[in-house]
Amino acid sequence: MHLKFTRHKPRLVIIAFAVFLSAIFGCGGPSHDIVGKWRMSGDANAMVWEFSKDRSVLIGQMRGRYSFGDRNRVKIETPFATFVYQMELSGDHMILREPNGSKLALTRIKEITK
């Protein structure tokens, strides 16, 4: 039995390494999807939320930091308050639900490239 394990050990190491890399790179997924400018859906004059790659966020004129938790939660920390939302992200639409059930529906602002 020991001989079989030794023979398959290189494959097991490669598989374990692949799983490890998937876990590392998979954890950063939502942060790339959230990066960009967002606005409350249906209101062209609503405040803009801008999420950056460096985990900073600008909400109107208020600066803060964001981080991801388990179960699709995002935490936004500003100098004035900390908010935790349940995040639903689908393409250019994002819903942030507060623990009390109220929600913010945001739509990605398309950048026009020249």
C-alpha atoms as a PDB file:
ATOM      1  CA  MET A   1       0.000   0.000   0.000  1.00  0.00           C
ATOM      2  CA  HIS A   2       2.835   2.398   0.834  1.00  0.00           C
ATOM      3  CA  LEU A   3       4.322   1.824  -2.615  1.00  0.00           C
ATOM      4  CA  LYS A   4       1.106   2.994  -4.347  1.00  0.00           C
ATOM      5  CA  PHE A   5       1.053   6.256  -2.378  1.00  0.00           C
ATOM      6  CA  THR A   6       4.692   6.952  -3.215  1.00  0.00           C
ATOM      7  CA  ARG A   7       4.034   6.368  -6.896  1.00  0.00           C
ATOM      8  CA  HIS A   8       1.069   8.820  -6.910  1.00  0.00           C
ATOM      9  CA  LYS A   9       2.639  11.377  -4.583  1.00  0.00           C
ATOM     10  CA  PRO A  10       3.760  13.766  -7.383  1.00  0.00           C
ATOM     11  CA  ARG A  11       0.207  13.858  -8.775  1.00  0.00           C
ATOM     12  CA  LEU A  12      -1.260  14.483  -5.332  1.00  0.00           C
ATOM     13  CA  VAL A  13       1.158  17.345  -4.746  1.00  0.00           C
ATOM     14  CA  ILE A  14       0.227  18.919  -8.104  1.00  0.00           C
ATOM     15  CA  ILE A  15      -3.502  18.563  -7.375  1.00  0.00           C
ATOM     16  CA  ALA A  16      -3.091  20.028  -3.879  1.00  0.00           C
ATOM     17  CA  PHE A  17      -1.103  22.955  -5.287  1.00  0.00           C
ATOM     18  CA  ALA A  18      -3.765  23.606  -7.962  1.00  0.00           C
ATOM     19  CA  VAL A  19      -6.515  23.608  -5.308  1.00  0.00           C
ATOM     20  CA  PHE A  20      -4.431  25.973  -3.173  1.00  0.00           C
ATOM     21  CA  LEU A  21      -3.926  28.413  -6.076  1.00  0.00           C
ATOM     22  CA  SER A  22      -7.617  28.283  -6.953  1.00  0.00           C
ATOM     23  CA  ALA A  23      -8.517  29.142  -3.372  1.00  0.00           C
ATOM     24  CA  ILE A  24      -6.108  32.077  -3.288  1.00  0.00           C
ATOM     25  CA  PHE A  25      -7.134  33.570  -6.610  1.00  0.00           C
ATOM     26  CA  GLY A  26     -10.807  32.732  -6.115  1.00  0.00           C
ATOM     27  CA  CYS A  27     -10.970  34.804  -2.935  1.00  0.00           C
ATOM     28  CA  GLY A  28     -10.179  37.998  -4.790  1.00  0.00           C
ATOM     29  CA  GLY A  29     -12.930  37.584  -7.375  1.00  0.00           C
ATOM     30  CA  PRO A  30     -15.597  39.958  -6.070  1.00  0.00           C
ATOM     31  CA  SER A  31     -13.133  42.796  -5.611  1.00  0.00           C
ATOM     32  CA  HIS A  32     -12.416  42.901  -9.328  1.00  0.00           C
ATOM     33  CA  ASP A  33     -16.108  42.777 -10.212  1.00  0.00           C
ATOM     34  CA  ILE A  34     -16.986  45.658  -7.899  1.00  0.00           C
ATOM     35  CA  VAL A  35     -14.239  48.017  -9.160  1.00  0.00           C
ATOM     36  CA  GLY A  36     -15.636  51.028 -10.989  1.00  0.00           C
ATOM     37  CA  LYS A  37     -18.244  53.736 -10.607  1.00  0.00           C
ATOM     38  CA  TRP A  38     -21.797  52.937  -9.533  1.00  0.00           C
ATOM     39  CA  ARG A  39     -24.955  55.032  -9.133  1.00  0.00           C
ATOM     40  CA  MET A  40     -28.309  54.411  -7.492  1.00  0.00           C
ATOM     41  CA  SER A  41     -30.476  52.746 -10.130  1.00  0.00           C
ATOM     42  CA  GLY A  42     -32.978  54.958 -11.903  1.00  0.00           C
ATOM     43  CA  ASP A  43     -31.595  58.301 -10.699  1.00  0.00           C
ATOM     44  CA  ALA A  44     -29.109  60.055 -13.010  1.00  0.00           C
ATOM     45  CA  ASN A  45     -28.397  62.654 -10.292  1.00  0.00           C
ATOM     46  CA  ALA A  46     -27.786  60.167  -7.471  1.00  0.00           C
ATOM     47  CA  MET A  47     -24.531  60.017  -5.545  1.00  0.00           C
ATOM     48  CA  VAL A  48     -21.711  58.093  -7.242  1.00  0.00           C
ATOM     49  CA  TRP A  49     -20.007  55.217  -5.434  1.00  0.00           C
ATOM     50  CA  GLU A  50     -16.498  54.554  -6.773  1.00  0.00           C
ATOM     51  CA  PHE A  51     -14.740  51.322  -5.772  1.00  0.00           C
ATOM     52  CA  SER A  52     -10.996  51.128  -6.520  1.00  0.00           C
ATOM     53  CA  LYS A  53      -8.663  48.138  -6.899  1.00  0.00           C
ATOM     54  CA  ASP A  54      -6.746  49.181  -3.772  1.00  0.00           C
ATOM     55  CA  ARG A  55      -9.908  48.587  -1.661  1.00  0.00           C
ATOM     56  CA  SER A  56     -10.652  52.287  -1.260  1.00  0.00           C
ATOM     57  CA  VAL A  57     -14.133  53.636  -1.893  1.00  0.00           C
ATOM     58  CA  LEU A  58     -15.405  57.142  -2.567  1.00  0.00           C
ATOM     59  CA  ILE A  59     -19.101  57.704  -1.845  1.00  0.00           C
ATOM     60  CA  GLY A  60     -19.895  61.205  -3.044  1.00  0.00           C
ATOM     61  CA  GLN A  61     -17.162  63.161  -1.207  1.00  0.00           C
ATOM     62  CA  MET A  62     -16.741  60.637   1.640  1.00  0.00           C
ATOM     63  CA  ARG A  63     -13.689  58.384   1.488  1.00  0.00           C
ATOM     64  CA  GLY A  64     -13.491  54.948   3.023  1.00  0.00           C
ATOM     65  CA  ARG A  65     -12.228  51.386   2.681  1.00  0.00           C
ATOM     66  CA  TYR A  66     -14.059  48.220   1.724  1.00  0.00           C
ATOM     67  CA  SER A  67     -13.388  44.555   2.417  1.00  0.00           C
ATOM     68  CA  PHE A  68     -15.147  41.291   1.750  1.00  0.00           C
ATOM     69  CA  GLY A  69     -16.405  38.824   4.331  1.00  0.00           C
ATOM     70  CA  ASP A  70     -18.035  35.450   4.088  1.00  0.00           C
ATOM     71  CA  ARG A  71     -21.430  34.815   2.467  1.00  0.00           C
ATOM     72  CA  ASN A  72     -21.072  37.688  -0.050  1.00  0.00           C
ATOM     73  CA  ARG A  73     -20.822  40.377   2.588  1.00  0.00           C
ATOM     74  CA  VAL A  74     -18.988  43.643   2.007  1.00  0.00           C
ATOM     75  CA  LYS A  75     -17.900  45.947   4.820  1.00  0.00           C
ATOM     76  CA  ILE A  76     -17.472  49.658   4.118  1.00  0.00           C
ATOM     77  CA  GLU A  77     -15.575  51.651   6.729  1.00  0.00           C
ATOM     78  CA  THR A  78     -15.641  55.456   6.665  1.00  0.00           C
ATOM     79  CA  PRO A  79     -14.388  57.977   9.241  1.00  0.00           C
ATOM     80  CA  PHE A  80     -17.999  58.380  10.402  1.00  0.00           C
ATOM     81  CA  ALA A  81     -19.456  54.854  10.397  1.00  0.00           C
ATOM     82  CA  THR A  82     -19.023  51.229   9.383  1.00  0.00           C
ATOM     83  CA  PHE A  83     -21.600  49.524   7.181  1.00  0.00           C
ATOM     84  CA  VAL A  84     -21.993  45.818   6.442  1.00  0.00           C
ATOM     85  CA  TYR A  85     -24.082  44.796   3.454  1.00  0.00           C
ATOM     86  CA  GLN A  86     -25.121  41.516   1.885  1.00  0.00           C
ATOM     87  CA  MET A  87     -24.018  41.961  -1.725  1.00  0.00           C
ATOM     88  CA  GLU A  88     -25.714  40.589  -4.822  1.00  0.00           C
ATOM     89  CA  LEU A  89     -23.720  41.285  -7.976  1.00  0.00           C
ATOM     90  CA  SER A  90     -24.956  40.454 -11.458  1.00  0.00           C
ATOM     91  CA  GLY A  91     -23.207  42.089 -14.388  1.00  0.00           C
ATOM     92  CA  ASP A  92     -23.764  45.844 -14.167  1.00  0.00           C
ATOM     93  CA  HIS A  93     -26.245  45.601 -11.292  1.00  0.00           C
ATOM     94  CA  MET A  94     -25.431  45.447  -7.599  1.00  0.00           C
ATOM     95  CA  ILE A  95     -27.788  45.205  -4.651  1.00  0.00           C
ATOM     96  CA  LEU A  96     -26.519  46.004  -1.174  1.00  0.00           C
ATOM     97  CA  ARG A  97     -28.864  44.767   1.563  1.00  0.00           C
ATOM     98  CA  GLU A  98     -28.642  46.061   5.091  1.00  0.00           C
ATOM     99  CA  PRO A  99     -29.273  43.711   8.046  1.00  0.00           C
ATOM    100  CA  ASN A 100     -32.650  45.417   8.635  1.00  0.00           C
ATOM    101  CA  GLY A 101     -33.772  44.409   5.128  1.00  0.00           C
ATOM    102  CA  SER A 102     -33.553  47.761   3.331  1.00  0.00           C
ATOM    103  CA  LYS A 103     -31.561  47.716   0.124  1.00  0.00           C
ATOM    104  CA  LEU A 104     -29.596  49.914  -2.208  1.00  0.00           C
ATOM    105  CA  ALA A 105     -29.791  49.095  -5.918  1.00  0.00           C
ATOM    106  CA  LEU A 106     -26.798  50.353  -7.883  1.00  0.00           C
ATOM    107  CA  THR A 107     -26.014  50.323 -11.603  1.00  0.00           C
ATOM    108  CA  ARG A 108     -22.504  50.491 -13.036  1.00  0.00           C
ATOM    109  CA  ILE A 109     -21.677  53.744 -14.817  1.00  0.00           C
ATOM    110  CA  LYS A 110     -20.287  52.917 -18.231  1.00  0.00           C
ATOM    111  CA  GLU A 111     -17.033  54.732 -18.940  1.00  0.00           C
ATOM    112  CA  ILE A 112     -16.898  56.188 -22.436  1.00  0.00           C
ATOM    113  CA  THR A 113     -13.524  55.537 -24.027  1.00  0.00           C
ATOM    114  CA  LYS A 114     -12.251  57.742 -26.819  1.00  0.00           C
END
